Structure formats: structure tokens, C-alpha cells
PDB file of N, CA and C in Angstrom:
ATOM      1  N   UNK A   1       0.845  -1.168   0.000  1.00  0.00           N
ATOM      2  CA  UNK A   1       0.000   0.000   0.000  1.00  0.00           C
ATOM      3  C   UNK A   1       0.896   1.238   0.000  1.00  0.00           C
ATOM      4  N   UNK A   2       0.585   2.182  -0.827  1.00  0.00           N
ATOM      5  CA  UNK A   2       1.436   3.372  -0.934  1.00  0.00           C
ATOM      6  C   UNK A   2       1.186   4.313   0.240  1.00  0.00           C
ATOM      7  N   UNK A   3       2.134   5.197   0.468  1.00  0.00           N
ATOM      8  CA  UNK A   3       2.004   6.138   1.583  1.00  0.00           C
ATOM      9  C   UNK A   3       0.885   7.146   1.334  1.00  0.00           C
ATOM     10  N   UNK A   4       0.611   7.462   0.067  1.00  0.00           N
ATOM     11  CA  UNK A   4      -0.473   8.401  -0.247  1.00  0.00           C
ATOM     12  C   UNK A   4      -1.828   7.810   0.108  1.00  0.00           C
ATOM     13  N   UNK A   5      -2.032   6.527  -0.182  1.00  0.00           N
ATOM     14  CA  UNK A   5      -3.321   5.918   0.130  1.00  0.00           C
ATOM     15  C   UNK A   5      -3.482   5.725   1.638  1.00  0.00           C
ATOM     16  N   UNK A   6      -2.368   5.471   2.362  1.00  0.00           N
ATOM     17  CA  UNK A   6      -2.446   5.360   3.828  1.00  0.00           C
ATOM     18  C   UNK A   6      -2.823   6.692   4.460  1.00  0.00           C
ATOM     19  N   UNK A   7      -2.205   7.770   3.964  1.00  0.00           N
ATOM     20  CA  UNK A   7      -2.539   9.086   4.533  1.00  0.00           C
ATOM     21  C   UNK A   7      -3.964   9.488   4.194  1.00  0.00           C
ATOM     22  N   UNK A   8      -4.442   9.099   3.015  1.00  0.00           N
ATOM     23  CA  UNK A   8      -5.829   9.395   2.645  1.00  0.00           C
ATOM     24  C   UNK A   8      -6.794   8.641   3.548  1.00  0.00           C
ATOM     25  N   UNK A   9      -6.473   7.376   3.857  1.00  0.00           N
ATOM     26  CA  UNK A   9      -7.324   6.596   4.752  1.00  0.00           C
ATOM     27  C   UNK A   9      -7.286   7.161   6.171  1.00  0.00           C
ATOM     28  N   UNK A  10      -6.146   7.629   6.613  1.00  0.00           N
ATOM     29  CA  UNK A  10      -6.023   8.209   7.947  1.00  0.00           C
ATOM     30  C   UNK A  10      -6.843   9.494   8.049  1.00  0.00           C
ATOM     31  N   UNK A  11      -6.810  10.322   7.008  1.00  0.00           N
ATOM     32  CA  UNK A  11      -7.602  11.549   7.011  1.00  0.00           C
ATOM     33  C   UNK A  11      -9.088  11.235   7.006  1.00  0.00           C
ATOM     34  N   UNK A  12      -9.483  10.217   6.237  1.00  0.00           N
ATOM     35  CA  UNK A  12     -10.894   9.828   6.181  1.00  0.00           C
ATOM     36  C   UNK A  12     -11.352   9.313   7.544  1.00  0.00           C
ATOM     37  N   UNK A  13     -10.509   8.555   8.237  1.00  0.00           N
ATOM     38  CA  UNK A  13     -10.849   8.040   9.559  1.00  0.00           C
ATOM     39  C   UNK A  13     -11.019   9.187  10.552  1.00  0.00           C
ATOM     40  N   UNK A  14     -10.137  10.196  10.486  1.00  0.00           N
ATOM     41  CA  UNK A  14     -10.265  11.345  11.381  1.00  0.00           C
ATOM     42  C   UNK A  14     -11.555  12.098  11.131  1.00  0.00           C
ATOM     43  N   UNK A  15     -11.940  12.259   9.866  1.00  0.00           N
ATOM     44  CA  UNK A  15     -13.154  12.993   9.536  1.00  0.00           C
ATOM     45  C   UNK A  15     -14.391  12.273  10.053  1.00  0.00           C
ATOM     46  N   UNK A  16     -14.437  10.942   9.933  1.00  0.00           N
ATOM     47  CA  UNK A  16     -15.615  10.218  10.407  1.00  0.00           C
ATOM     48  C   UNK A  16     -15.677  10.189  11.925  1.00  0.00           C
ATOM     49  N   UNK A  17     -14.520  10.264  12.613  1.00  0.00           N
ATOM     50  CA  UNK A  17     -14.531  10.289  14.066  1.00  0.00           C
ATOM     51  C   UNK A  17     -15.112  11.591  14.605  1.00  0.00           C
ATOM     52  N   UNK A  18     -14.957  12.675  13.881  1.00  0.00           N
ATOM     53  CA  UNK A  18     -15.471  13.972  14.335  1.00  0.00           C
ATOM     54  C   UNK A  18     -16.981  14.081  14.184  1.00  0.00           C
ATOM     55  N   UNK A  19     -17.579  13.346  13.264  1.00  0.00           N
ATOM     56  CA  UNK A  19     -18.998  13.479  12.955  1.00  0.00           C
ATOM     57  C   UNK A  19     -19.844  12.643  13.907  1.00  0.00           C
ATOM     58  N   UNK A  20     -20.047  13.117  15.114  1.00  0.00           N
ATOM     59  CA  UNK A  20     -20.888  12.421  16.081  1.00  0.00           C
ATOM     60  C   UNK A  20     -22.136  13.247  16.315  1.00  0.00           C
ATOM     61  N   UNK A  21     -23.241  12.814  15.766  1.00  0.00           N
ATOM     62  CA  UNK A  21     -24.515  13.501  15.945  1.00  0.00           C
ATOM     63  C   UNK A  21     -25.404  12.686  16.868  1.00  0.00           C
ATOM     64  N   UNK A  22     -26.268  13.366  17.588  1.00  0.00           N
ATOM     65  CA  UNK A  22     -27.236  12.709  18.444  1.00  0.00           C
ATOM     66  C   UNK A  22     -28.230  11.979  17.554  1.00  0.00           C
ATOM     67  N   UNK A  23     -28.689  10.815  17.991  1.00  0.00           N
ATOM     68  CA  UNK A  23     -29.639  10.024  17.215  1.00  0.00           C
ATOM     69  C   UNK A  23     -30.860  10.876  16.871  1.00  0.00           C
ATOM     70  N   UNK A  24     -31.212  10.944  15.594  1.00  0.00           N
ATOM     71  CA  UNK A  24     -32.367  11.704  15.145  1.00  0.00           C
ATOM     72  C   UNK A  24     -32.084  13.160  14.819  1.00  0.00           C
ATOM     73  N   UNK A  25     -30.863  13.622  15.092  1.00  0.00           N
ATOM     74  CA  UNK A  25     -30.506  15.012  14.800  1.00  0.00           C
ATOM     75  C   UNK A  25     -30.256  15.178  13.310  1.00  0.00           C
ATOM     76  N   UNK A  26     -30.895  16.181  12.735  1.00  0.00           N
ATOM     77  CA  UNK A  26     -30.672  16.488  11.332  1.00  0.00           C
ATOM     78  C   UNK A  26     -29.864  17.784  11.279  1.00  0.00           C
ATOM     79  N   UNK A  27     -28.623  17.738  10.802  1.00  0.00           N
ATOM     80  CA  UNK A  27     -27.769  18.929  10.840  1.00  0.00           C
ATOM     81  C   UNK A  27     -28.114  19.945   9.755  1.00  0.00           C
ATOM     82  N   UNK A  28     -29.305  20.509   9.840  1.00  0.00           N
ATOM     83  CA  UNK A  28     -29.753  21.528   8.898  1.00  0.00           C
ATOM     84  C   UNK A  28     -30.180  22.731   9.731  1.00  0.00           C
ATOM     85  N   UNK A  29     -29.438  23.808   9.655  1.00  0.00           N
ATOM     86  CA  UNK A  29     -29.742  24.956  10.507  1.00  0.00           C
ATOM     87  C   UNK A  29     -31.028  25.667  10.091  1.00  0.00           C
ATOM     88  N   UNK A  30     -31.419  25.549   8.828  1.00  0.00           N
ATOM     89  CA  UNK A  30     -32.635  26.235   8.383  1.00  0.00           C
ATOM     90  C   UNK A  30     -33.876  25.630   9.034  1.00  0.00           C
ATOM     91  N   UNK A  31     -33.858  24.339   9.313  1.00  0.00           N
ATOM     92  CA  UNK A  31     -35.024  23.668   9.873  1.00  0.00           C
ATOM     93  C   UNK A  31     -35.084  23.761  11.396  1.00  0.00           C
ATOM     94  N   UNK A  32     -34.058  24.289  12.026  1.00  0.00           N
ATOM     95  CA  UNK A  32     -34.035  24.361  13.484  1.00  0.00           C
ATOM     96  C   UNK A  32     -35.048  25.385  13.981  1.00  0.00           C
ATOM     97  N   UNK A  33     -35.591  25.107  15.159  1.00  0.00           N
ATOM     98  CA  UNK A  33     -36.601  26.013  15.731  1.00  0.00           C
ATOM     99  C   UNK A  33     -36.030  27.383  16.066  1.00  0.00           C
ATOM    100  N   UNK A  34     -34.744  27.443  16.355  1.00  0.00           N
ATOM    101  CA  UNK A  34     -34.103  28.709  16.718  1.00  0.00           C
ATOM    102  C   UNK A  34     -33.439  29.392  15.525  1.00  0.00           C
ATOM    103  N   UNK A  35     -33.681  28.911  14.317  1.00  0.00           N
ATOM    104  CA  UNK A  35     -32.996  29.431  13.138  1.00  0.00           C
ATOM    105  C   UNK A  35     -33.406  30.869  12.829  1.00  0.00           C
ATOM    106  N   UNK A  36     -32.419  31.692  12.554  1.00  0.00           N
ATOM    107  CA  UNK A  36     -32.681  33.079  12.158  1.00  0.00           C
ATOM    108  C   UNK A  36     -33.112  33.162  10.704  1.00  0.00           C
ATOM    109  N   UNK A  37     -32.802  32.119   9.936  1.00  0.00           N
ATOM    110  CA  UNK A  37     -33.097  32.143   8.507  1.00  0.00           C
ATOM    111  C   UNK A  37     -34.574  31.991   8.202  1.00  0.00           C
ATOM    112  N   UNK A  38     -35.361  31.517   9.155  1.00  0.00           N
ATOM    113  CA  UNK A  38     -36.792  31.348   8.913  1.00  0.00           C
ATOM    114  C   UNK A  38     -37.614  32.533   9.417  1.00  0.00           C
ATOM    115  N   UNK A  39     -36.969  33.574   9.858  1.00  0.00           N
ATOM    116  CA  UNK A  39     -37.663  34.772  10.352  1.00  0.00           C
ATOM    117  C   UNK A  39     -37.689  35.839   9.265  1.00  0.00           C
ATOM    118  N   UNK A  40     -38.856  36.379   9.023  1.00  0.00           N
ATOM    119  CA  UNK A  40     -39.003  37.412   7.989  1.00  0.00           C
ATOM    120  C   UNK A  40     -38.240  38.677   8.352  1.00  0.00           C
ATOM    121  N   UNK A  41     -38.195  39.006   9.639  1.00  0.00           N
ATOM    122  CA  UNK A  41     -37.519  40.246  10.031  1.00  0.00           C
ATOM    123  C   UNK A  41     -36.020  40.193   9.741  1.00  0.00           C
ATOM    124  N   UNK A  42     -35.424  39.011   9.784  1.00  0.00           N
ATOM    125  CA  UNK A  42     -34.008  38.898   9.433  1.00  0.00           C
ATOM    126  C   UNK A  42     -33.790  39.248   7.969  1.00  0.00           C
ATOM    127  N   UNK A  43     -34.632  38.708   7.103  1.00  0.00           N
ATOM    128  CA  UNK A  43     -34.496  38.955   5.664  1.00  0.00           C
ATOM    129  C   UNK A  43     -34.826  40.400   5.311  1.00  0.00           C
ATOM    130  N   UNK A  44     -35.847  40.966   5.958  1.00  0.00           N
ATOM    131  CA  UNK A  44     -36.179  42.374   5.700  1.00  0.00           C
ATOM    132  C   UNK A  44     -35.029  43.266   6.177  1.00  0.00           C
ATOM    133  N   UNK A  45     -34.439  42.928   7.316  1.00  0.00           N
ATOM    134  CA  UNK A  45     -33.301  43.690   7.819  1.00  0.00           C
ATOM    135  C   UNK A  45     -32.119  43.642   6.867  1.00  0.00           C
ATOM    136  N   UNK A  46     -31.845  42.458   6.322  1.00  0.00           N
ATOM    137  CA  UNK A  46     -30.743  42.344   5.365  1.00  0.00           C
ATOM    138  C   UNK A  46     -31.045  43.130   4.091  1.00  0.00           C
ATOM    139  N   UNK A  47     -32.303  43.106   3.662  1.00  0.00           N
ATOM    140  CA  UNK A  47     -32.684  43.871   2.471  1.00  0.00           C
ATOM    141  C   UNK A  47     -32.538  45.373   2.722  1.00  0.00           C
ATOM    142  N   UNK A  48     -32.888  45.817   3.914  1.00  0.00           N
ATOM    143  CA  UNK A  48     -32.728  47.240   4.231  1.00  0.00           C
ATOM    144  C   UNK A  48     -31.258  47.639   4.268  1.00  0.00           C
ATOM    145  N   UNK A  49     -30.415  46.781   4.814  1.00  0.00           N
ATOM    146  CA  UNK A  49     -28.982  47.089   4.809  1.00  0.00           C
ATOM    147  C   UNK A  49     -28.452  47.205   3.381  1.00  0.00           C
ATOM    148  N   UNK A  50     -28.889  46.305   2.527  1.00  0.00           N
ATOM    149  CA  UNK A  50     -28.462  46.366   1.135  1.00  0.00           C
ATOM    150  C   UNK A  50     -29.035  47.600   0.442  1.00  0.00           C
ATOM    151  N   UNK A  51     -30.262  47.966   0.784  1.00  0.00           N
ATOM    152  CA  UNK A  51     -30.893  49.137   0.174  1.00  0.00           C
ATOM    153  C   UNK A  51     -30.240  50.439   0.607  1.00  0.00           C
ATOM    154  N   UNK A  52     -29.504  50.413   1.706  1.00  0.00           N
ATOM    155  CA  UNK A  52     -28.792  51.615   2.144  1.00  0.00           C
ATOM    156  C   UNK A  52     -27.761  52.046   1.111  1.00  0.00           C
ATOM    157  N   UNK A  53     -27.354  51.134   0.244  1.00  0.00           N
ATOM    158  CA  UNK A  53     -26.422  51.503  -0.823  1.00  0.00           C
ATOM    159  C   UNK A  53     -27.034  52.533  -1.782  1.00  0.00           C
ATOM    160  N   UNK A  54     -28.359  52.530  -1.912  1.00  0.00           N
ATOM    161  CA  UNK A  54     -29.010  53.532  -2.770  1.00  0.00           C
ATOM    162  C   UNK A  54     -28.807  54.938  -2.195  1.00  0.00           C
ATOM    163  N   UNK A  55     -28.906  55.056  -0.879  1.00  0.00           N
ATOM    164  CA  UNK A  55     -28.665  56.353  -0.245  1.00  0.00           C
ATOM    165  C   UNK A  55     -27.222  56.791  -0.383  1.00  0.00           C
ATOM    166  N   UNK A  56     -26.295  55.829  -0.264  1.00  0.00           N
ATOM    167  CA  UNK A  56     -24.879  56.146  -0.439  1.00  0.00           C
ATOM    168  C   UNK A  56     -24.619  56.583  -1.878  1.00  0.00           C
ATOM    169  N   UNK A  57     -25.257  55.920  -2.827  1.00  0.00           N
ATOM    170  CA  UNK A  57     -25.126  56.306  -4.233  1.00  0.00           C
ATOM    171  C   UNK A  57     -25.676  57.693  -4.492  1.00  0.00           C
ATOM    172  N   UNK A  58     -26.770  58.039  -3.817  1.00  0.00           N
ATOM    173  CA  UNK A  58     -27.336  59.386  -3.963  1.00  0.00           C
ATOM    174  C   UNK A  58     -26.370  60.432  -3.427  1.00  0.00           C
ATOM    175  N   UNK A  59     -25.707  60.134  -2.330  1.00  0.00           N
ATOM    176  CA  UNK A  59     -24.722  61.083  -1.791  1.00  0.00           C
ATOM    177  C   UNK A  59     -23.518  61.212  -2.719  1.00  0.00           C
ATOM    178  N   UNK A  60     -23.090  60.106  -3.338  1.00  0.00           N
ATOM    179  CA  UNK A  60     -21.983  60.179  -4.299  1.00  0.00           C
ATOM    180  C   UNK A  60     -22.391  61.024  -5.502  1.00  0.00           C
ATOM    181  N   UNK A  61     -23.645  60.849  -5.964  1.00  0.00           N
ATOM    182  CA  UNK A  61     -24.139  61.659  -7.069  1.00  0.00           C
ATOM    183  C   UNK A  61     -24.143  63.141  -6.693  1.00  0.00           C
ATOM    184  N   UNK A  62     -24.590  63.447  -5.470  1.00  0.00           N
ATOM    185  CA  UNK A  62     -24.633  64.845  -5.033  1.00  0.00           C
ATOM    186  C   UNK A  62     -23.227  65.435  -4.949  1.00  0.00           C
ATOM    187  N   UNK A  63     -22.285  64.646  -4.435  1.00  0.00           N
ATOM    188  CA  UNK A  63     -20.905  65.142  -4.337  1.00  0.00           C
ATOM    189  C   UNK A  63     -20.309  65.363  -5.723  1.00  0.00           C
ATOM    190  N   UNK A  64     -20.605  64.467  -6.647  1.00  0.00           N
ATOM    191  CA  UNK A  64     -20.124  64.640  -8.018  1.00  0.00           C
ATOM    192  C   UNK A  64     -20.754  65.843  -8.688  1.00  0.00           C
ATOM    193  N   UNK A  65     -22.041  66.047  -8.427  1.00  0.00           N
ATOM    194  CA  UNK A  65     -22.739  67.205  -8.999  1.00  0.00           C
ATOM    195  C   UNK A  65     -22.175  68.510  -8.459  1.00  0.00           C
ATOM    196  N   UNK A  66     -21.752  68.497  -7.219  1.00  0.00           N
ATOM    197  CA  UNK A  66     -21.179  69.713  -6.627  1.00  0.00           C
ATOM    198  C   UNK A  66     -19.846  70.055  -7.266  1.00  0.00           C
ATOM    199  N   UNK A  67     -19.066  69.037  -7.606  1.00  0.00           N
ATOM    200  CA  UNK A  67     -17.735  69.312  -8.157  1.00  0.00           C
ATOM    201  C   UNK A  67     -17.790  69.835  -9.584  1.00  0.00           C
ATOM    202  N   UNK A  68     -18.784  69.397 -10.375  1.00  0.00           N
ATOM    203  CA  UNK A  68     -18.862  69.852 -11.764  1.00  0.00           C
ATOM    204  C   UNK A  68     -19.918  70.921 -11.977  1.00  0.00           C
ATOM    205  N   UNK A  69     -20.730  71.157 -10.938  1.00  0.00           N
ATOM    206  CA  UNK A  69     -21.738  72.201 -11.035  1.00  0.00           C
ATOM    207  C   UNK A  69     -22.930  71.853 -11.921  1.00  0.00           C
ATOM    208  N   UNK A  70     -23.258  70.570 -12.047  1.00  0.00           N
ATOM    209  CA  UNK A  70     -24.349  70.173 -12.929  1.00  0.00           C
ATOM    210  C   UNK A  70     -25.724  70.242 -12.266  1.00  0.00           C
ATOM    211  N   UNK A  71     -25.771  70.249 -10.941  1.00  0.00           N
ATOM    212  CA  UNK A  71     -27.049  70.315 -10.234  1.00  0.00           C
ATOM    213  C   UNK A  71     -27.070  71.543  -9.340  1.00  0.00           C
ATOM    214  N   UNK A  72     -28.129  72.304  -9.477  1.00  0.00           N
ATOM    215  CA  UNK A  72     -28.242  73.522  -8.690  1.00  0.00           C
ATOM    216  C   UNK A  72     -28.482  73.211  -7.213  1.00  0.00           C
ATOM    217  N   UNK A  73     -29.262  72.171  -6.941  1.00  0.00           N
ATOM    218  CA  UNK A  73     -29.651  71.843  -5.565  1.00  0.00           C
ATOM    219  C   UNK A  73     -28.960  70.561  -5.092  1.00  0.00           C
ATOM    220  N   UNK A  74     -27.657  70.491  -5.236  1.00  0.00           N
ATOM    221  CA  UNK A  74     -26.929  69.285  -4.865  1.00  0.00           C
ATOM    222  C   UNK A  74     -26.963  69.016  -3.371  1.00  0.00           C
ATOM    223  N   UNK A  75     -27.084  70.082  -2.567  1.00  0.00           N
ATOM    224  CA  UNK A  75     -27.145  69.911  -1.115  1.00  0.00           C
ATOM    225  C   UNK A  75     -28.411  69.150  -0.721  1.00  0.00           C
ATOM    226  N   UNK A  76     -29.503  69.415  -1.429  1.00  0.00           N
ATOM    227  CA  UNK A  76     -30.753  68.694  -1.164  1.00  0.00           C
ATOM    228  C   UNK A  76     -30.571  67.204  -1.433  1.00  0.00           C
ATOM    229  N   UNK A  77     -29.910  66.867  -2.525  1.00  0.00           N
ATOM    230  CA  UNK A  77     -29.646  65.459  -2.830  1.00  0.00           C
ATOM    231  C   UNK A  77     -28.750  64.819  -1.773  1.00  0.00           C
ATOM    232  N   UNK A  78     -27.791  65.582  -1.290  1.00  0.00           N
ATOM    233  CA  UNK A  78     -26.902  65.073  -0.250  1.00  0.00           C
ATOM    234  C   UNK A  78     -27.690  64.744   1.016  1.00  0.00           C
ATOM    235  N   UNK A  79     -28.587  65.640   1.421  1.00  0.00           N
ATOM    236  CA  UNK A  79     -29.412  65.401   2.612  1.00  0.00           C
ATOM    237  C   UNK A  79     -30.363  64.219   2.409  1.00  0.00           C
ATOM    238  N   UNK A  80     -30.951  64.139   1.237  1.00  0.00           N
ATOM    239  CA  UNK A  80     -31.854  63.016   0.962  1.00  0.00           C
ATOM    240  C   UNK A  80     -31.092  61.693   1.055  1.00  0.00           C
ATOM    241  N   UNK A  81     -29.920  61.649   0.470  1.00  0.00           N
ATOM    242  CA  UNK A  81     -29.104  60.435   0.529  1.00  0.00           C
ATOM    243  C   UNK A  81     -28.677  60.095   1.941  1.00  0.00           C
ATOM    244  N   UNK A  82     -28.293  61.096   2.707  1.00  0.00           N
ATOM    245  CA  UNK A  82     -27.853  60.863   4.089  1.00  0.00           C
ATOM    246  C   UNK A  82     -28.999  60.342   4.950  1.00  0.00           C
ATOM    247  N   UNK A  83     -30.161  60.960   4.828  1.00  0.00           N
ATOM    248  CA  UNK A  83     -31.325  60.523   5.607  1.00  0.00           C
ATOM    249  C   UNK A  83     -31.736  59.107   5.200  1.00  0.00           C
ATOM    250  N   UNK A  84     -31.761  58.859   3.898  1.00  0.00           N
ATOM    251  CA  UNK A  84     -32.122  57.539   3.398  1.00  0.00           C
ATOM    252  C   UNK A  84     -31.147  56.476   3.920  1.00  0.00           C
ATOM    253  N   UNK A  85     -29.863  56.772   3.905  1.00  0.00           N
ATOM    254  CA  UNK A  85     -28.853  55.825   4.374  1.00  0.00           C
ATOM    255  C   UNK A  85     -29.016  55.529   5.855  1.00  0.00           C
ATOM    256  N   UNK A  86     -29.168  56.556   6.659  1.00  0.00           N
ATOM    257  CA  UNK A  86     -29.285  56.363   8.108  1.00  0.00           C
ATOM    258  C   UNK A  86     -30.538  55.570   8.454  1.00  0.00           C
ATOM    259  N   UNK A  87     -31.663  55.912   7.840  1.00  0.00           N
ATOM    260  CA  UNK A  87     -32.917  55.198   8.125  1.00  0.00           C
ATOM    261  C   UNK A  87     -32.795  53.725   7.756  1.00  0.00           C
ATOM    262  N   UNK A  88     -32.233  53.454   6.604  1.00  0.00           N
ATOM    263  CA  UNK A  88     -32.126  52.058   6.166  1.00  0.00           C
ATOM    264  C   UNK A  88     -31.107  51.283   7.001  1.00  0.00           C
ATOM    265  N   UNK A  89     -30.007  51.900   7.383  1.00  0.00           N
ATOM    266  CA  UNK A  89     -29.025  51.198   8.220  1.00  0.00           C
ATOM    267  C   UNK A  89     -29.580  50.885   9.606  1.00  0.00           C
ATOM    268  N   UNK A  90     -30.253  51.857  10.204  1.00  0.00           N
ATOM    269  CA  UNK A  90     -30.825  51.639  11.535  1.00  0.00           C
ATOM    270  C   UNK A  90     -31.949  50.599  11.465  1.00  0.00           C
ATOM    271  N   UNK A  91     -32.826  50.732  10.474  1.00  0.00           N
ATOM    272  CA  UNK A  91     -33.914  49.764  10.321  1.00  0.00           C
ATOM    273  C   UNK A  91     -33.400  48.366  10.029  1.00  0.00           C
ATOM    274  N   UNK A  92     -32.371  48.256   9.195  1.00  0.00           N
ATOM    275  CA  UNK A  92     -31.792  46.958   8.883  1.00  0.00           C
ATOM    276  C   UNK A  92     -31.126  46.314  10.085  1.00  0.00           C
ATOM    277  N   UNK A  93     -30.390  47.109  10.843  1.00  0.00           N
ATOM    278  CA  UNK A  93     -29.738  46.572  12.043  1.00  0.00           C
ATOM    279  C   UNK A  93     -30.784  46.094  13.041  1.00  0.00           C
ATOM    280  N   UNK A  94     -31.847  46.863  13.219  1.00  0.00           N
ATOM    281  CA  UNK A  94     -32.915  46.447  14.133  1.00  0.00           C
ATOM    282  C   UNK A  94     -33.573  45.159  13.648  1.00  0.00           C
ATOM    283  N   UNK A  95     -33.846  45.057  12.350  1.00  0.00           N
ATOM    284  CA  UNK A  95     -34.483  43.859  11.810  1.00  0.00           C
ATOM    285  C   UNK A  95     -33.642  42.613  12.010  1.00  0.00           C
ATOM    286  N   UNK A  96     -32.343  42.727  11.805  1.00  0.00           N
ATOM    287  CA  UNK A  96     -31.456  41.572  11.981  1.00  0.00           C
ATOM    288  C   UNK A  96     -31.356  41.191  13.460  1.00  0.00           C
ATOM    289  N   UNK A  97     -31.201  42.177  14.318  1.00  0.00           N
ATOM    290  CA  UNK A  97     -31.135  41.892  15.763  1.00  0.00           C
ATOM    291  C   UNK A  97     -32.436  41.269  16.241  1.00  0.00           C
ATOM    292  N   UNK A  98     -33.558  41.790  15.775  1.00  0.00           N
ATOM    293  CA  UNK A  98     -34.869  41.258  16.156  1.00  0.00           C
ATOM    294  C   UNK A  98     -35.052  39.834  15.628  1.00  0.00           C
ATOM    295  N   UNK A  99     -34.609  39.577  14.416  1.00  0.00           N
ATOM    296  CA  UNK A  99     -34.756  38.255  13.825  1.00  0.00           C
ATOM    297  C   UNK A  99     -33.860  37.207  14.461  1.00  0.00           C
ATOM    298  N   UNK A 100     -32.760  37.610  15.053  1.00  0.00           N
ATOM    299  CA  UNK A 100     -31.821  36.653  15.654  1.00  0.00           C
ATOM    300  C   UNK A 100     -32.035  36.470  17.148  1.00  0.00           C
ATOM    301  N   UNK A 101     -33.082  37.062  17.699  1.00  0.00           N
ATOM    302  CA  UNK A 101     -33.304  36.981  19.142  1.00  0.00           C
ATOM    303  C   UNK A 101     -33.521  35.550  19.625  1.00  0.00           C
ATOM    304  N   UNK A 102     -34.222  34.710  18.847  1.00  0.00           N
ATOM    305  CA  UNK A 102     -34.441  33.319  19.247  1.00  0.00           C
ATOM    306  C   UNK A 102     -33.126  32.545  19.285  1.00  0.00           C
ATOM    307  N   UNK A 103     -32.259  32.802  18.323  1.00  0.00           N
ATOM    308  CA  UNK A 103     -30.967  32.125  18.317  1.00  0.00           C
ATOM    309  C   UNK A 103     -30.135  32.542  19.519  1.00  0.00           C
ATOM    310  N   UNK A 104     -30.131  33.828  19.832  1.00  0.00           N
ATOM    311  CA  UNK A 104     -29.339  34.295  20.973  1.00  0.00           C
ATOM    312  C   UNK A 104     -29.864  33.695  22.277  1.00  0.00           C
ATOM    313  N   UNK A 105     -31.186  33.562  22.391  1.00  0.00           N
ATOM    314  CA  UNK A 105     -31.752  32.930  23.585  1.00  0.00           C
ATOM    315  C   UNK A 105     -31.330  31.453  23.643  1.00  0.00           C
ATOM    316  N   UNK A 106     -31.391  30.763  22.516  1.00  0.00           N
ATOM    317  CA  UNK A 106     -30.973  29.365  22.433  1.00  0.00           C
ATOM    318  C   UNK A 106     -29.498  29.215  22.814  1.00  0.00           C
ATOM    319  N   UNK A 107     -28.655  30.114  22.317  1.00  0.00           N
ATOM    320  CA  UNK A 107     -27.227  30.048  22.620  1.00  0.00           C
ATOM    321  C   UNK A 107     -26.969  30.288  24.103  1.00  0.00           C
ATOM    322  N   UNK A 108     -27.712  31.209  24.719  1.00  0.00           N
ATOM    323  CA  UNK A 108     -27.560  31.452  26.163  1.00  0.00           C
ATOM    324  C   UNK A 108     -27.998  30.251  26.976  1.00  0.00           C
ATOM    325  N   UNK A 109     -29.149  29.661  26.601  1.00  0.00           N
ATOM    326  CA  UNK A 109     -29.693  28.535  27.370  1.00  0.00           C
ATOM    327  C   UNK A 109     -28.820  27.287  27.263  1.00  0.00           C
ATOM    328  N   UNK A 110     -28.239  27.047  26.109  1.00  0.00           N
ATOM    329  CA  UNK A 110     -27.454  25.834  25.923  1.00  0.00           C
ATOM    330  C   UNK A 110     -25.967  26.049  26.162  1.00  0.00           C
ATOM    331  N   UNK A 111     -25.553  27.294  26.302  1.00  0.00           N
ATOM    332  CA  UNK A 111     -24.147  27.575  26.523  1.00  0.00           C
ATOM    333  C   UNK A 111     -23.311  27.478  25.251  1.00  0.00           C
ATOM    334  N   UNK A 112     -23.946  27.479  24.121  1.00  0.00           N
ATOM    335  CA  UNK A 112     -23.217  27.384  22.849  1.00  0.00           C
ATOM    336  C   UNK A 112     -22.780  28.765  22.404  1.00  0.00           C
ATOM    337  N   UNK A 113     -21.702  28.803  21.696  1.00  0.00           N
ATOM    338  CA  UNK A 113     -21.247  30.074  21.138  1.00  0.00           C
ATOM    339  C   UNK A 113     -21.603  30.115  19.656  1.00  0.00           C
ATOM    340  N   UNK A 114     -21.507  31.283  19.099  1.00  0.00           N
ATOM    341  CA  UNK A 114     -21.847  31.435  17.683  1.00  0.00           C
ATOM    342  C   UNK A 114     -20.722  30.917  16.864  1.00  0.00           C
TER     343      UNK A 114
END
């Protein structure tokens, strides 16, 4: 037997030794009762965080307009972008924190870390 096949068998043995699941446990985090992925507020929060990029883009547009003088009311665009960004970031952070509350409670009760 070659040394490569022995080392491959040794690695395979180590991997199977680590996989000890409780009888009946299905290792799928989406199906778990404490899963954050099945909460709508988590997904809405993530969408709001992603949507905050629109506000950042509006501020970049306003800054560009100020440098070339193409928009008379560039300050208004800057404020709109800033307000939009802050609202979406705060709302998104709240949605994610709210959606993960069951997981955090589960982690506290079982002593598991993230």
C-alpha cells in the first residue's frame, strides 16, 4: 500500500470520528426552531442594509454634482441620501437583531457560542 493511500485513509478516519450527531438530529440549521433564517424580520433587515447603498449612491451623485456644477440643488440630494442611508441602516440593524433573538436565547440557554 502506498504512503499516499495510507494518509488518505487516515484523514478519512479522522473525519468520520469527528462526525458524532445525536440520534435523530438532522444537521440543517434552516429547519431548526431557533434558526434566524426562517424569520421574515431577518431577511427584511438584510434587504434594508443592502438598500442603504441607494442612499450612499445618492450622496456620491450629489458630491459629483457639486464638483462639476451640474445640479443647482446638490445639497438637497446630499441630505436626501444621508437621511435615506441612516434610516435604512438603523432599520436593517434592528431587523437583523430582532430576527436573531431566538438564536441568541438558544445560545444562552445551551451555553453554545456562535
